[in-house]
Every structure is written in structure tokens, then in C-alpha cells.
Amino acid sequence: MGLFGGTVEGSSSGDSKLRSYGGGETDSFSSGQDLGGAAGGDIQAQVAMEQQKLQFMNQVHHLNETCWDLCVGNPSSSLSGREETCLTNCVDRFIDTTLLITNRFAQLAQKMGR
């Protein structure tokens, strides 16, 4: 038997721990068959939450990189007043733009749902 409950292709002794994905088998985890009603929903909600966290962290990383490249010339022990103002304005513009786009998509989704 394979590591995740499948049979190992080309191995009758079970020496390999790898599961074969080649014979048209369905993966019960991805199809949700083995997930009980509430438990499956909980797992799906957790996965969705983790995906949202990842997306948020990617946006923050992109924001940091973009604003740093635009505002800070040569790094030193402290930021100048101009650099601080530039970073503040850059972050504010990014947040405003993100909110504008998010609200617009919400409006469009609401119109499509009617």
C-alpha cells in the first residue's frame, strides 16, 4: 500500500512509499469524498483563510518593495524627512487604490448576483 492509501505502481512488495497517480485513480482528498459534512467545510474554510493570508502577505511584500525602491535611495541608519513622507504617501496611495478596486469588484459582483 502507498503512503496515502493507494497502490504503488509496478511494485508488488510495497517497498516504495510513493503513490501512483497514473492509473486514472481519483484522489479522495481533493474530491472531498472522505471529508465528513462539517469537517470538510471546516477544512475548506481553513484553506481559504490561509490562501487569503498568503495573498495579503504577498501584497504587503510587493508594497514594501515598490515603496522602498521609489522612496529610499541609499539606506542609512535613519530615514530622512523626505523619505518618510514619500513612504507614507506611497503606502496611503497603495491602500486607497486597493480599497477602490476591492469596492468596485464588490459592486460588480453584487450587480451580477441580482
Protein backbone atom coordinates (compact mmCIF):
# COMPACT_ATOMS: atom_id res chain seq x y z
CA MET A 1 0.00 0.00 0.00
CA GLY A 2 1.24 3.51 -0.80
CA LEU A 3 1.90 6.33 1.62
CA PHE A 4 -1.56 7.87 1.12
CA GLY A 5 -3.56 4.69 0.79
CA GLY A 6 -3.12 3.97 -2.93
CA THR A 7 -1.36 1.09 -4.55
CA VAL A 8 2.17 1.56 -5.73
CA GLU A 9 2.55 1.17 -9.48
CA GLY A 10 4.98 -1.55 -10.55
CA SER A 11 5.66 -2.69 -7.00
CA SER A 12 4.04 -5.74 -5.50
CA SER A 13 6.23 -5.88 -2.40
CA GLY A 14 5.31 -2.38 -1.18
CA ASP A 15 8.94 -1.22 -0.96
CA SER A 16 8.16 2.25 -2.31
CA LYS A 17 6.31 4.85 -0.27
CA LEU A 18 5.17 6.81 -3.34
CA ARG A 19 1.61 6.62 -4.55
CA SER A 20 0.89 6.21 -8.21
CA TYR A 21 -1.23 8.91 -9.83
CA GLY A 22 -1.16 7.38 -13.26
CA GLY A 23 -3.95 4.81 -13.45
CA GLY A 24 -6.96 7.11 -13.52
CA GLU A 25 -7.40 6.90 -9.76
CA THR A 26 -9.40 9.63 -8.12
CA ASP A 27 -7.81 11.38 -5.21
CA SER A 28 -10.36 11.15 -2.41
CA PHE A 29 -8.89 14.15 -0.58
CA SER A 30 -9.24 16.56 -3.47
CA SER A 31 -12.70 15.31 -4.36
CA GLY A 32 -13.85 15.72 -0.75
CA GLN A 33 -15.39 12.23 -0.54
CA ASP A 34 -13.68 11.25 2.71
CA LEU A 35 -14.39 14.56 4.39
CA GLY A 36 -17.47 14.47 6.58
CA GLY A 37 -20.04 17.25 6.09
CA ALA A 38 -18.98 19.76 8.74
CA ALA A 39 -15.35 18.67 8.85
CA GLY A 40 -15.00 19.15 5.09
CA GLY A 41 -16.43 22.64 5.35
CA ASP A 42 -14.05 23.45 8.21
CA ILE A 43 -11.04 22.31 6.21
CA GLN A 44 -12.18 24.25 3.16
CA ALA A 45 -12.67 27.36 5.31
CA GLN A 46 -9.20 26.94 6.79
CA VAL A 47 -7.65 26.54 3.35
CA ALA A 48 -9.49 29.64 2.11
CA MET A 49 -8.29 31.61 5.16
CA GLU A 50 -4.69 30.52 4.59
CA GLN A 51 -4.93 31.49 0.92
CA GLN A 52 -6.20 34.94 1.93
CA LYS A 53 -3.34 35.30 4.42
CA LEU A 54 -0.85 34.35 1.71
CA GLN A 55 -2.38 36.82 -0.73
CA PHE A 56 -2.25 39.58 1.89
CA MET A 57 1.38 38.82 2.73
CA ASN A 58 2.27 38.90 -0.98
CA GLN A 59 0.58 42.30 -1.31
CA VAL A 60 2.46 43.65 1.72
CA HIS A 61 5.74 42.34 0.31
CA HIS A 62 5.01 43.96 -3.06
CA LEU A 63 4.06 47.22 -1.32
CA ASN A 64 7.26 47.25 0.74
CA GLU A 65 9.44 46.53 -2.25
CA THR A 66 7.77 49.09 -4.52
CA CYS A 67 7.67 51.91 -1.99
CA TRP A 68 11.22 51.23 -0.78
CA ASP A 69 12.57 51.30 -4.33
CA LEU A 70 10.70 54.54 -5.08
CA CYS A 71 11.47 56.42 -1.88
CA VAL A 72 14.76 55.28 -0.38
CA GLY A 73 17.92 55.98 -2.35
CA ASN A 74 20.81 54.75 -0.26
CA PRO A 75 19.99 53.06 3.03
CA SER A 76 21.44 54.70 6.10
CA SER A 77 20.95 54.47 9.85
CA SER A 78 17.77 56.57 9.67
CA LEU A 79 15.25 57.83 7.14
CA SER A 80 15.24 61.45 6.07
CA GLY A 81 12.08 63.52 6.36
CA ARG A 82 11.62 63.34 2.59
CA GLU A 83 11.96 59.54 2.63
CA GLU A 84 9.45 59.19 5.48
CA THR A 85 6.94 61.44 3.69
CA CYS A 86 7.42 59.55 0.44
CA LEU A 87 6.93 56.17 2.15
CA THR A 88 3.81 57.41 3.95
CA ASN A 89 2.30 58.77 0.72
CA CYS A 90 3.21 55.62 -1.20
CA VAL A 91 1.56 53.34 1.36
CA ASP A 92 -1.51 55.60 1.52
CA ARG A 93 -1.89 55.53 -2.28
CA PHE A 94 -1.49 51.76 -2.32
CA ILE A 95 -4.16 51.28 0.38
CA ASP A 96 -6.54 53.74 -1.31
CA THR A 97 -6.11 52.04 -4.66
CA THR A 98 -6.59 48.57 -3.17
CA LEU A 99 -9.78 49.68 -1.40
CA LEU A 100 -11.09 51.34 -4.57
CA ILE A 101 -10.51 48.21 -6.64
CA THR A 102 -11.94 45.92 -3.94
CA ASN A 103 -15.08 48.05 -3.59
CA ARG A 104 -15.54 48.19 -7.35
CA PHE A 105 -15.30 44.41 -7.66
CA ALA A 106 -17.79 44.05 -4.79
CA GLN A 107 -20.21 46.36 -6.61
CA LEU A 108 -19.81 44.40 -9.84
CA ALA A 109 -20.31 41.08 -8.04
CA GLN A 110 -23.43 42.44 -6.38
CA LYS A 111 -24.84 43.57 -9.74
CA MET A 112 -24.06 40.17 -11.28
CA GLY A 113 -25.82 38.40 -8.39
CA ARG A 114 -29.14 40.17 -8.92
